[in-house]
Protein backbone atom coordinates (compact mmCIF):
# COMPACT_ATOMS: atom_id res chain seq x y z
CA MET A 1 -121.57 -157.37 -3.42
CA LEU A 2 -120.74 -153.93 -4.74
CA GLU A 3 -119.46 -151.19 -2.49
CA THR A 4 -121.81 -148.38 -1.49
CA THR A 5 -120.87 -144.75 -1.87
CA GLY A 6 -120.45 -144.44 1.89
CA ALA A 7 -118.33 -147.66 2.01
CA LYS A 8 -119.87 -148.51 5.39
CA HIS A 9 -121.58 -151.64 6.62
CA ILE A 10 -125.37 -151.44 6.50
CA ASP A 11 -127.33 -153.63 8.88
CA PRO A 12 -129.20 -156.36 6.93
CA MET A 13 -132.41 -155.62 8.86
CA HIS A 14 -132.20 -151.99 7.77
CA LEU A 15 -131.52 -153.00 4.16
CA ALA A 16 -134.64 -155.17 4.32
CA TYR A 17 -136.64 -152.16 5.53
CA ILE A 18 -135.28 -149.94 2.74
CA ALA A 19 -135.99 -152.71 0.21
CA GLY A 20 -139.60 -152.88 1.40
CA TYR A 21 -139.87 -149.13 1.06
CA PHE A 22 -138.40 -149.29 -2.45
CA ASP A 23 -140.68 -152.22 -3.35
CA GLY A 24 -143.74 -150.16 -2.46
CA GLU A 25 -142.77 -146.61 -3.41
CA GLY A 26 -139.88 -146.87 -5.85
CA CYS A 27 -139.36 -147.39 -9.55
CA VAL A 28 -136.63 -148.70 -11.83
CA THR A 29 -136.30 -147.24 -15.31
CA ILE A 30 -133.97 -147.40 -18.26
CA SER A 31 -133.23 -144.15 -20.09
CA SER A 32 -135.00 -143.72 -23.43
CA ASN A 33 -131.68 -143.93 -25.31
CA CYS A 34 -130.78 -147.14 -23.42
CA SER A 35 -127.68 -145.64 -21.84
CA SER A 36 -128.32 -145.96 -18.09
CA VAL A 37 -130.36 -147.29 -15.18
CA ALA A 38 -132.27 -144.89 -12.95
CA CYS A 39 -134.05 -145.46 -9.66
CA ALA A 40 -136.43 -143.14 -7.87
CA VAL A 41 -138.63 -143.11 -4.79
CA THR A 42 -141.30 -140.46 -4.25
CA ASN A 43 -142.99 -139.83 -0.92
CA THR A 44 -144.40 -137.03 1.21
CA TYR A 45 -142.02 -137.88 4.07
CA PRO A 46 -138.41 -136.97 3.21
CA ASN A 47 -136.66 -138.68 6.17
CA VAL A 48 -136.24 -142.13 4.60
CA LEU A 49 -135.43 -140.54 1.24
CA ASN A 50 -132.64 -138.49 2.83
CA GLU A 51 -131.38 -141.63 4.54
CA MET A 52 -131.30 -143.43 1.16
CA LYS A 53 -129.28 -140.51 -0.23
CA GLU A 54 -126.77 -140.90 2.60
CA MET A 55 -126.57 -144.68 2.08
CA PHE A 56 -126.42 -144.85 -1.71
CA GLY A 57 -125.64 -141.39 -3.08
CA GLY A 58 -128.02 -139.66 -5.44
CA SER A 59 -130.19 -136.69 -4.57
CA VAL A 60 -133.45 -135.68 -2.91
CA ALA A 61 -135.52 -132.88 -4.39
CA ALA A 62 -138.81 -131.31 -3.38
CA LYS A 63 -141.48 -131.81 -6.03
CA GLY A 64 -144.13 -129.58 -4.54
CA SER A 65 -147.78 -130.52 -4.37
CA PRO A 66 -150.28 -130.81 -7.22
CA LYS A 67 -153.09 -129.57 -4.98
CA GLU A 68 -153.12 -126.84 -2.38
CA LYS A 69 -154.27 -129.03 0.53
CA TRP A 70 -151.88 -131.90 -0.22
CA ARG A 71 -148.49 -132.30 1.41
CA ASN A 72 -145.38 -131.59 -0.62
CA ALA A 73 -143.78 -134.59 -2.26
CA TYR A 74 -140.07 -135.40 -2.33
CA ARG A 75 -138.16 -137.54 -4.79
CA PHE A 76 -134.97 -139.54 -4.20
CA SER A 77 -133.13 -140.23 -7.47
CA VAL A 78 -129.99 -142.19 -8.22
CA TYR A 79 -128.49 -143.07 -11.60
CA SER A 80 -126.12 -145.39 -13.47
CA GLN A 81 -123.59 -147.33 -11.41
CA ARG A 82 -124.75 -145.86 -8.09
CA ALA A 83 -128.28 -147.03 -8.89
CA CYS A 84 -126.97 -150.51 -9.62
CA ASP A 85 -124.88 -150.53 -6.44
CA MET A 86 -128.05 -149.78 -4.49
CA LEU A 87 -130.08 -152.41 -6.37
CA GLU A 88 -127.41 -155.08 -5.71
CA GLN A 89 -127.74 -154.46 -1.98
CA LEU A 90 -131.54 -154.40 -1.97
CA LEU A 91 -132.00 -157.38 -4.32
CA PRO A 92 -132.01 -160.18 -1.69
CA TYR A 93 -134.89 -158.48 0.15
CA LEU A 94 -137.08 -157.39 -2.77
CA GLN A 95 -140.39 -159.02 -3.65
CA GLU A 96 -142.45 -156.99 -6.14
CA LYS A 97 -139.60 -155.32 -7.99
CA LYS A 98 -137.16 -158.23 -7.93
CA PRO A 99 -137.68 -159.20 -11.62
CA GLN A 100 -137.27 -155.57 -12.72
CA VAL A 101 -134.13 -155.18 -10.64
CA GLU A 102 -132.59 -158.38 -11.97
CA LEU A 103 -133.15 -157.11 -15.50
CA ALA A 104 -131.74 -153.66 -14.65
CA LEU A 105 -128.58 -155.28 -13.29
CA GLU A 106 -128.29 -157.39 -16.45
CA PHE A 107 -128.77 -154.21 -18.50
CA GLN A 108 -125.85 -152.57 -16.68
CA ARG A 109 -123.58 -155.57 -17.40
CA THR A 110 -124.32 -155.84 -21.13
CA LYS A 111 -123.06 -153.49 -23.80
CA ASP A 112 -125.04 -155.02 -26.70
CA LYS A 113 -127.50 -152.31 -27.84
CA ALA A 114 -130.13 -154.79 -29.10
CA ARG A 115 -130.09 -156.68 -25.79
CA ARG A 116 -130.32 -153.40 -23.86
CA ILE A 117 -133.43 -152.41 -25.84
CA GLU A 118 -134.93 -155.84 -25.18
CA ILE A 119 -134.26 -155.51 -21.44
CA ARG A 120 -135.75 -151.99 -21.36
CA ASP A 121 -138.91 -153.31 -23.02
CA LYS A 122 -139.14 -156.24 -20.59
CA ILE A 123 -138.92 -153.88 -17.62
CA LYS A 124 -141.74 -151.77 -19.10
CA ALA A 125 -143.85 -154.92 -19.60
CA LEU A 126 -143.24 -156.04 -16.01
CA LYS A 127 -144.53 -152.71 -14.73
CA HIS A 128 -147.82 -153.38 -16.53
CA ILE A 129 -148.00 -156.90 -15.11
CA ASN A 130 -147.75 -155.53 -11.57
CA HIS A 131 -150.89 -153.45 -12.17
CA LEU A 132 -153.05 -156.44 -13.08
CA THR A 133 -155.46 -157.67 -10.43
CA ASN A 134 -155.73 -161.16 -8.97
CA ASN A 135 -158.78 -161.70 -11.20
CA ASN A 136 -156.39 -161.70 -14.12
CA GLU A 137 -153.96 -164.17 -12.57
CA ARG A 138 -154.03 -166.47 -15.60
CA THR A 139 -153.31 -163.55 -17.94
CA THR A 140 -150.46 -162.43 -15.67
CA HIS A 141 -148.98 -165.93 -15.75
CA ASN A 142 -149.19 -166.03 -19.57
CA ILE A 143 -147.54 -162.63 -19.96
CA GLN A 144 -144.74 -163.57 -17.57
CA ASN A 145 -144.09 -166.80 -19.48
CA ASN A 146 -143.84 -164.83 -22.74
CA LEU A 147 -141.14 -162.61 -21.23
CA HIS A 148 -138.73 -165.51 -20.75
């Protein structure tokens, strides 16, 4: 397992909680020029986001609110190796984003530009799969099989 920026032990139960939070609220992306991995979590409650910043590095920024009566949103962001360090620790506990995270970690390990582009495109495709409903289960299964 990779070392976190704080180099401190994190309780596995707490990592599982953070992984669940990331599974539901977070995203994994690859930069458009295929140079780095980025992770972000957006929420209207900054406490967990600030905790993630302390655990993994990165930053938390206020995003404001799109509507006057809505609460302000906050965004935790972490990039490159720090993002991958975080993903390595969360991976055993992830459910929804596990395939995306596995690909992001593979992306970080490979230097082949063509493979990096392929991985970026697979992550994008997986994001669309997650939006399909249970009524399209057969379609989801077919798309997932085509990704391998």
